[in-house]
């Protein structure tokens, strides 16, 4: 069982989370009524977490379209996929730079890239869709 985390504010929207001897950096942004967090290459929205459900055994998985969005205003350093590329959960699909830090945008699940909506060097805004997968 995990210990109690200690959260320290490092800067506006930037937090250090210490738990069980590990330190992670978490970024929090968005308006008060729609906050989201960026941690370890993943974006977390409260409404997304509420929709997570367990599938009963034996049910077939249905592929659904997923959009990967920019977690904050940033510059696209490199687009690592193109339409038709096969990705595995956790693969970096786009590398962004914001606040002098690299932000890897990772595939949420195994699938195929259906569209890329950004290019190297482009400035993108928070919540802008970068890549779509299915």
N, C-alpha and C. Protein backbone atom coordinates (compact mmCIF):
# COMPACT_ATOMS: atom_id res chain seq x y z
N UNK A 1 0.85 -1.18 0.00
CA UNK A 1 0.00 0.00 0.00
C UNK A 1 0.89 1.24 0.00
N UNK A 2 0.58 2.21 -0.83
CA UNK A 2 1.37 3.43 -0.95
C UNK A 2 1.21 4.31 0.29
N UNK A 3 2.30 5.02 0.59
CA UNK A 3 2.28 5.95 1.71
C UNK A 3 1.52 7.21 1.35
N UNK A 4 1.45 8.10 2.31
CA UNK A 4 0.77 9.37 2.09
C UNK A 4 1.68 10.30 1.30
N UNK A 5 1.21 10.84 0.18
CA UNK A 5 2.06 11.73 -0.62
C UNK A 5 2.23 13.09 0.04
N UNK A 6 3.39 13.69 -0.19
CA UNK A 6 3.67 15.06 0.22
C UNK A 6 3.73 15.90 -1.03
N UNK A 7 2.94 16.96 -1.09
CA UNK A 7 2.88 17.81 -2.27
C UNK A 7 3.47 19.17 -1.93
N UNK A 8 4.43 19.63 -2.74
CA UNK A 8 5.07 20.92 -2.53
C UNK A 8 4.92 21.75 -3.79
N UNK A 9 4.43 22.97 -3.64
CA UNK A 9 4.29 23.87 -4.79
C UNK A 9 5.66 24.44 -5.12
N UNK A 10 6.12 24.24 -6.35
CA UNK A 10 7.42 24.74 -6.80
C UNK A 10 7.30 26.08 -7.52
N UNK A 11 6.20 26.25 -8.24
CA UNK A 11 5.93 27.46 -9.01
C UNK A 11 4.44 27.42 -9.35
N UNK A 12 3.89 28.51 -9.87
CA UNK A 12 2.47 28.46 -10.24
C UNK A 12 2.22 27.31 -11.23
N UNK A 13 1.36 26.40 -10.85
CA UNK A 13 1.00 25.26 -11.71
C UNK A 13 2.01 24.14 -11.74
N UNK A 14 3.06 24.20 -10.92
CA UNK A 14 4.10 23.16 -10.91
C UNK A 14 4.28 22.64 -9.50
N UNK A 15 4.13 21.32 -9.32
CA UNK A 15 4.17 20.72 -7.99
C UNK A 15 5.13 19.54 -7.96
N UNK A 16 5.78 19.36 -6.81
CA UNK A 16 6.60 18.18 -6.55
C UNK A 16 5.77 17.26 -5.67
N UNK A 17 5.63 16.00 -6.07
CA UNK A 17 4.87 15.03 -5.30
C UNK A 17 5.85 13.94 -4.86
N UNK A 18 6.01 13.80 -3.53
CA UNK A 18 6.90 12.79 -2.96
C UNK A 18 6.05 11.70 -2.31
N UNK A 19 6.30 10.44 -2.70
CA UNK A 19 5.59 9.31 -2.11
C UNK A 19 6.50 8.09 -2.17
N UNK A 20 6.63 7.42 -1.05
CA UNK A 20 7.43 6.20 -0.96
C UNK A 20 8.85 6.37 -1.52
N UNK A 21 9.49 7.52 -1.23
CA UNK A 21 10.86 7.74 -1.67
C UNK A 21 11.01 8.17 -3.12
N UNK A 22 9.92 8.34 -3.83
CA UNK A 22 9.97 8.79 -5.23
C UNK A 22 9.50 10.24 -5.30
N UNK A 23 10.10 11.00 -6.19
CA UNK A 23 9.67 12.38 -6.43
C UNK A 23 9.25 12.51 -7.89
N UNK A 24 8.06 13.03 -8.08
CA UNK A 24 7.52 13.26 -9.41
C UNK A 24 7.13 14.72 -9.54
N UNK A 25 7.23 15.27 -10.74
CA UNK A 25 6.78 16.63 -11.00
C UNK A 25 5.44 16.55 -11.73
N UNK A 26 4.47 17.30 -11.24
CA UNK A 26 3.13 17.34 -11.81
C UNK A 26 2.79 18.79 -12.15
N UNK A 27 2.26 19.01 -13.35
CA UNK A 27 1.83 20.33 -13.77
C UNK A 27 0.31 20.37 -13.75
N UNK A 28 -0.25 21.45 -13.22
CA UNK A 28 -1.70 21.62 -13.16
C UNK A 28 -2.04 22.93 -13.86
N UNK A 29 -3.03 22.89 -14.73
CA UNK A 29 -3.40 24.09 -15.48
C UNK A 29 -4.88 24.06 -15.81
N UNK A 30 -5.33 25.12 -16.43
CA UNK A 30 -6.72 25.22 -16.84
C UNK A 30 -7.50 26.15 -15.94
N UNK A 31 -8.68 26.56 -16.38
CA UNK A 31 -9.52 27.43 -15.56
C UNK A 31 -10.05 26.69 -14.33
N UNK A 32 -10.46 27.41 -13.30
CA UNK A 32 -10.91 26.77 -12.06
C UNK A 32 -12.00 25.70 -12.26
N UNK A 33 -12.87 25.88 -13.23
CA UNK A 33 -13.96 24.92 -13.42
C UNK A 33 -13.57 23.76 -14.36
N UNK A 34 -12.33 23.75 -14.86
CA UNK A 34 -11.91 22.70 -15.78
C UNK A 34 -10.40 22.45 -15.65
N UNK A 35 -9.92 22.16 -14.47
CA UNK A 35 -8.50 21.90 -14.22
C UNK A 35 -8.10 20.55 -14.82
N UNK A 36 -6.84 20.44 -15.18
CA UNK A 36 -6.27 19.19 -15.65
C UNK A 36 -4.84 19.11 -15.17
N UNK A 37 -4.29 17.92 -15.15
CA UNK A 37 -2.92 17.70 -14.69
C UNK A 37 -2.12 16.99 -15.78
N UNK A 38 -0.82 17.31 -15.84
CA UNK A 38 0.10 16.68 -16.77
C UNK A 38 1.17 16.00 -15.94
N UNK A 39 1.27 14.67 -16.06
CA UNK A 39 2.25 13.90 -15.30
C UNK A 39 2.76 12.74 -16.14
N UNK A 40 4.08 12.63 -16.20
CA UNK A 40 4.71 11.48 -16.85
C UNK A 40 4.23 11.28 -18.29
N UNK A 41 4.05 12.38 -19.02
CA UNK A 41 3.65 12.29 -20.41
C UNK A 41 2.17 12.08 -20.65
N UNK A 42 1.36 12.13 -19.60
CA UNK A 42 -0.08 11.91 -19.72
C UNK A 42 -0.85 13.11 -19.18
N UNK A 43 -1.97 13.38 -19.80
CA UNK A 43 -2.87 14.44 -19.35
C UNK A 43 -4.05 13.80 -18.65
N UNK A 44 -4.40 14.31 -17.48
CA UNK A 44 -5.52 13.78 -16.69
C UNK A 44 -6.55 14.87 -16.49
N UNK A 45 -7.80 14.59 -16.87
CA UNK A 45 -8.94 15.48 -16.63
C UNK A 45 -9.84 14.77 -15.64
N UNK A 46 -10.41 15.48 -14.66
CA UNK A 46 -11.31 14.82 -13.70
C UNK A 46 -12.47 14.11 -14.38
N UNK A 47 -13.05 14.70 -15.42
CA UNK A 47 -14.20 14.06 -16.07
C UNK A 47 -13.79 12.78 -16.78
N UNK A 48 -12.53 12.66 -17.24
CA UNK A 48 -12.07 11.42 -17.86
C UNK A 48 -11.98 10.31 -16.83
N UNK A 49 -11.49 10.63 -15.64
CA UNK A 49 -11.34 9.62 -14.60
C UNK A 49 -12.70 9.08 -14.17
N UNK A 50 -13.74 9.91 -14.16
CA UNK A 50 -15.07 9.49 -13.74
C UNK A 50 -15.68 8.49 -14.72
N UNK A 51 -15.22 8.50 -15.99
CA UNK A 51 -15.80 7.63 -17.00
C UNK A 51 -15.11 6.28 -17.10
N UNK A 52 -14.04 6.07 -16.34
CA UNK A 52 -13.32 4.80 -16.42
C UNK A 52 -14.15 3.71 -15.77
N UNK A 53 -14.43 2.65 -16.51
CA UNK A 53 -15.21 1.54 -15.98
C UNK A 53 -14.52 0.23 -16.33
N UNK A 54 -14.81 -0.79 -15.58
CA UNK A 54 -14.26 -2.11 -15.83
C UNK A 54 -15.18 -2.84 -16.81
N UNK A 55 -14.60 -3.55 -17.76
CA UNK A 55 -15.39 -4.36 -18.67
C UNK A 55 -15.53 -5.75 -18.09
N UNK A 56 -16.73 -6.30 -18.13
CA UNK A 56 -16.90 -7.68 -17.67
C UNK A 56 -16.09 -8.64 -18.52
N UNK A 57 -15.68 -9.76 -17.93
CA UNK A 57 -14.93 -10.79 -18.66
C UNK A 57 -15.71 -11.24 -19.89
N UNK A 58 -15.02 -11.49 -20.96
CA UNK A 58 -15.64 -12.05 -22.15
C UNK A 58 -16.19 -11.01 -23.12
N UNK A 59 -16.27 -9.75 -22.72
CA UNK A 59 -16.76 -8.75 -23.67
C UNK A 59 -15.64 -8.38 -24.62
N UNK A 60 -16.00 -8.17 -25.85
CA UNK A 60 -15.02 -7.80 -26.86
C UNK A 60 -14.74 -6.30 -26.75
N UNK A 61 -13.48 -5.93 -26.88
CA UNK A 61 -13.09 -4.51 -26.83
C UNK A 61 -13.43 -3.85 -28.15
N UNK A 62 -13.97 -2.67 -28.10
CA UNK A 62 -14.29 -1.90 -29.28
C UNK A 62 -13.28 -0.77 -29.38
N UNK A 63 -12.67 -0.60 -30.55
CA UNK A 63 -11.74 0.49 -30.72
C UNK A 63 -12.51 1.79 -30.87
N UNK A 64 -12.09 2.79 -30.11
CA UNK A 64 -12.71 4.10 -30.20
C UNK A 64 -11.65 5.12 -30.57
N UNK A 65 -12.09 6.16 -31.24
CA UNK A 65 -11.17 7.22 -31.61
C UNK A 65 -10.72 7.97 -30.35
N UNK A 66 -9.46 8.32 -30.30
CA UNK A 66 -8.91 9.08 -29.18
C UNK A 66 -8.14 10.26 -29.73
N UNK A 67 -8.26 11.39 -29.04
CA UNK A 67 -7.52 12.58 -29.42
C UNK A 67 -6.46 12.85 -28.37
N UNK A 68 -5.25 13.16 -28.82
CA UNK A 68 -4.17 13.55 -27.92
C UNK A 68 -3.99 15.05 -28.09
N UNK A 69 -4.10 15.78 -26.98
CA UNK A 69 -4.08 17.23 -27.02
C UNK A 69 -2.88 17.80 -26.30
N UNK A 70 -2.55 19.03 -26.62
CA UNK A 70 -1.48 19.75 -25.94
C UNK A 70 -1.93 20.08 -24.52
N UNK A 71 -1.10 19.80 -23.52
CA UNK A 71 -1.49 20.08 -22.15
C UNK A 71 -1.37 21.55 -21.78
N UNK A 72 -0.61 22.31 -22.55
CA UNK A 72 -0.41 23.74 -22.29
C UNK A 72 0.13 24.37 -23.57
N UNK A 73 0.16 25.69 -23.65
CA UNK A 73 0.77 26.29 -24.85
C UNK A 73 2.22 25.81 -24.96
N UNK A 74 2.62 25.43 -26.16
CA UNK A 74 3.95 24.86 -26.34
C UNK A 74 4.37 24.95 -27.80
N UNK A 75 5.62 24.58 -28.04
CA UNK A 75 6.16 24.48 -29.39
C UNK A 75 6.37 23.01 -29.71
N UNK A 76 5.95 22.59 -30.90
CA UNK A 76 6.15 21.21 -31.33
C UNK A 76 7.63 21.07 -31.73
N UNK A 77 8.33 20.22 -31.01
CA UNK A 77 9.74 19.96 -31.34
C UNK A 77 9.80 18.92 -32.46
N UNK A 78 9.03 17.84 -32.30
CA UNK A 78 9.07 16.79 -33.32
C UNK A 78 7.77 15.99 -33.30
N UNK A 79 7.24 15.74 -34.49
CA UNK A 79 6.12 14.82 -34.66
C UNK A 79 6.74 13.48 -35.03
N UNK A 80 6.46 12.45 -34.23
CA UNK A 80 7.12 11.16 -34.40
C UNK A 80 6.26 10.11 -35.12
N UNK A 81 5.04 10.49 -35.53
CA UNK A 81 4.15 9.56 -36.21
C UNK A 81 3.54 10.23 -37.43
N UNK A 82 2.90 9.43 -38.24
CA UNK A 82 2.16 9.93 -39.40
C UNK A 82 0.90 9.08 -39.53
N UNK A 83 -0.10 9.55 -40.26
CA UNK A 83 -1.31 8.75 -40.43
C UNK A 83 -0.95 7.35 -40.93
N UNK A 84 -1.55 6.34 -40.29
CA UNK A 84 -1.28 4.95 -40.64
C UNK A 84 -0.25 4.30 -39.73
N UNK A 85 0.48 5.11 -38.95
CA UNK A 85 1.47 4.53 -38.02
C UNK A 85 0.76 3.73 -36.94
N UNK A 86 1.34 2.59 -36.59
CA UNK A 86 0.83 1.79 -35.48
C UNK A 86 1.58 2.21 -34.22
N UNK A 87 0.84 2.44 -33.14
CA UNK A 87 1.46 2.84 -31.87
C UNK A 87 1.03 1.89 -30.76
N UNK A 88 1.87 1.79 -29.77
CA UNK A 88 1.56 1.01 -28.57
C UNK A 88 1.34 1.98 -27.43
N UNK A 89 0.57 1.56 -26.45
CA UNK A 89 0.30 2.39 -25.29
C UNK A 89 1.63 2.87 -24.70
N UNK A 90 1.75 4.18 -24.50
CA UNK A 90 2.95 4.76 -23.92
C UNK A 90 3.97 5.26 -24.92
N UNK A 91 3.80 4.92 -26.22
CA UNK A 91 4.73 5.43 -27.23
C UNK A 91 4.62 6.95 -27.31
N UNK A 92 5.77 7.62 -27.45
CA UNK A 92 5.76 9.07 -27.64
C UNK A 92 5.37 9.33 -29.09
N UNK A 93 4.32 10.15 -29.29
CA UNK A 93 3.86 10.46 -30.64
C UNK A 93 4.24 11.88 -31.05
N UNK A 94 4.30 12.78 -30.08
CA UNK A 94 4.70 14.17 -30.34
C UNK A 94 5.56 14.63 -29.16
N UNK A 95 6.60 15.39 -29.47
CA UNK A 95 7.44 15.95 -28.43
C UNK A 95 7.26 17.46 -28.44
N UNK A 96 6.81 18.00 -27.31
CA UNK A 96 6.58 19.44 -27.18
C UNK A 96 7.65 20.05 -26.29
N UNK A 97 7.78 21.38 -26.37
CA UNK A 97 8.64 22.12 -25.44
C UNK A 97 7.83 23.28 -24.90
N UNK A 98 7.81 23.39 -23.58
CA UNK A 98 7.13 24.51 -22.91
C UNK A 98 7.91 24.83 -21.64
N UNK A 99 8.07 26.07 -21.36
CA UNK A 99 8.78 26.52 -20.16
C UNK A 99 10.16 25.87 -20.07
N UNK A 100 10.84 25.75 -21.21
CA UNK A 100 12.19 25.16 -21.31
C UNK A 100 12.25 23.71 -20.86
N UNK A 101 11.11 23.02 -20.94
CA UNK A 101 11.05 21.59 -20.61
C UNK A 101 10.44 20.82 -21.76
N UNK A 102 10.92 19.60 -21.98
CA UNK A 102 10.34 18.74 -22.99
C UNK A 102 9.12 18.03 -22.41
N UNK A 103 8.05 17.98 -23.18
CA UNK A 103 6.81 17.33 -22.76
C UNK A 103 6.46 16.25 -23.78
N UNK A 104 6.72 14.99 -23.47
CA UNK A 104 6.35 13.93 -24.41
C UNK A 104 4.84 13.67 -24.35
N UNK A 105 4.18 13.63 -25.50
CA UNK A 105 2.78 13.27 -25.58
C UNK A 105 2.73 11.81 -26.01
N UNK A 106 2.12 10.97 -25.16
CA UNK A 106 2.18 9.52 -25.35
C UNK A 106 0.82 8.95 -25.77
N UNK A 107 0.87 7.87 -26.53
CA UNK A 107 -0.34 7.16 -26.94
C UNK A 107 -1.04 6.61 -25.70
N UNK A 108 -2.36 6.75 -25.64
CA UNK A 108 -3.13 6.28 -24.50
C UNK A 108 -3.39 4.78 -24.56
N UNK A 109 -3.33 4.20 -25.76
CA UNK A 109 -3.56 2.77 -25.92
C UNK A 109 -2.95 2.33 -27.25
N UNK A 110 -2.90 1.03 -27.47
CA UNK A 110 -2.45 0.51 -28.75
C UNK A 110 -3.45 0.96 -29.82
N UNK A 111 -2.95 1.26 -31.01
CA UNK A 111 -3.87 1.66 -32.07
C UNK A 111 -3.13 2.13 -33.31
N UNK A 112 -3.88 2.79 -34.17
CA UNK A 112 -3.37 3.32 -35.43
C UNK A 112 -3.64 4.81 -35.48
N UNK A 113 -2.65 5.57 -35.90
CA UNK A 113 -2.80 7.02 -36.04
C UNK A 113 -3.70 7.28 -37.24
N UNK A 114 -4.78 8.03 -37.01
CA UNK A 114 -5.70 8.36 -38.11
C UNK A 114 -5.49 9.76 -38.65
N UNK A 115 -4.94 10.67 -37.82
CA UNK A 115 -4.71 12.04 -38.28
C UNK A 115 -3.65 12.71 -37.41
N UNK A 116 -2.86 13.59 -38.05
CA UNK A 116 -1.88 14.41 -37.34
C UNK A 116 -2.23 15.86 -37.65
N UNK A 117 -2.42 16.66 -36.59
CA UNK A 117 -2.88 18.04 -36.76
C UNK A 117 -1.83 19.07 -36.35
N UNK A 118 -0.55 18.69 -36.39
CA UNK A 118 0.50 19.64 -36.04
C UNK A 118 1.75 19.30 -36.85
N UNK A 119 2.72 20.20 -36.83
CA UNK A 119 3.98 19.95 -37.54
C UNK A 119 5.14 20.50 -36.73
N UNK A 120 6.34 20.04 -37.02
CA UNK A 120 7.53 20.49 -36.31
C UNK A 120 7.63 22.01 -36.36
N UNK A 121 7.94 22.62 -35.20
CA UNK A 121 8.12 24.07 -35.12
C UNK A 121 6.86 24.86 -34.88
N UNK A 122 5.71 24.23 -34.96
CA UNK A 122 4.43 24.93 -34.80
C UNK A 122 4.18 25.28 -33.33
N UNK A 123 3.61 26.45 -33.09
CA UNK A 123 3.15 26.84 -31.76
C UNK A 123 1.73 26.33 -31.59
N UNK A 124 1.48 25.59 -30.51
CA UNK A 124 0.15 25.04 -30.26
C UNK A 124 -0.39 25.58 -28.94
N UNK A 125 -1.69 25.61 -28.82
CA UNK A 125 -2.36 26.11 -27.62
C UNK A 125 -2.84 24.95 -26.75
N UNK A 126 -3.09 25.25 -25.50
CA UNK A 126 -3.62 24.25 -24.57
C UNK A 126 -4.91 23.66 -25.13
N UNK A 127 -5.05 22.36 -25.02
CA UNK A 127 -6.23 21.60 -25.46
C UNK A 127 -6.34 21.47 -26.97
N UNK A 128 -5.38 21.99 -27.73
CA UNK A 128 -5.40 21.81 -29.19
C UNK A 128 -5.12 20.35 -29.50
N UNK A 129 -5.95 19.74 -30.34
CA UNK A 129 -5.76 18.35 -30.72
C UNK A 129 -4.53 18.25 -31.62
N UNK A 130 -3.62 17.34 -31.24
CA UNK A 130 -2.38 17.16 -31.99
C UNK A 130 -2.42 15.92 -32.88
N UNK A 131 -2.92 14.82 -32.31
CA UNK A 131 -2.94 13.53 -33.00
C UNK A 131 -4.23 12.80 -32.66
N UNK A 132 -4.81 12.10 -33.64
CA UNK A 132 -5.97 11.26 -33.40
C UNK A 132 -5.58 9.82 -33.69
N UNK A 133 -6.05 8.90 -32.82
CA UNK A 133 -5.77 7.48 -33.01
C UNK A 133 -7.06 6.69 -32.92
N UNK A 134 -7.00 5.48 -33.42
CA UNK A 134 -8.14 4.56 -33.30
C UNK A 134 -7.61 3.18 -33.11
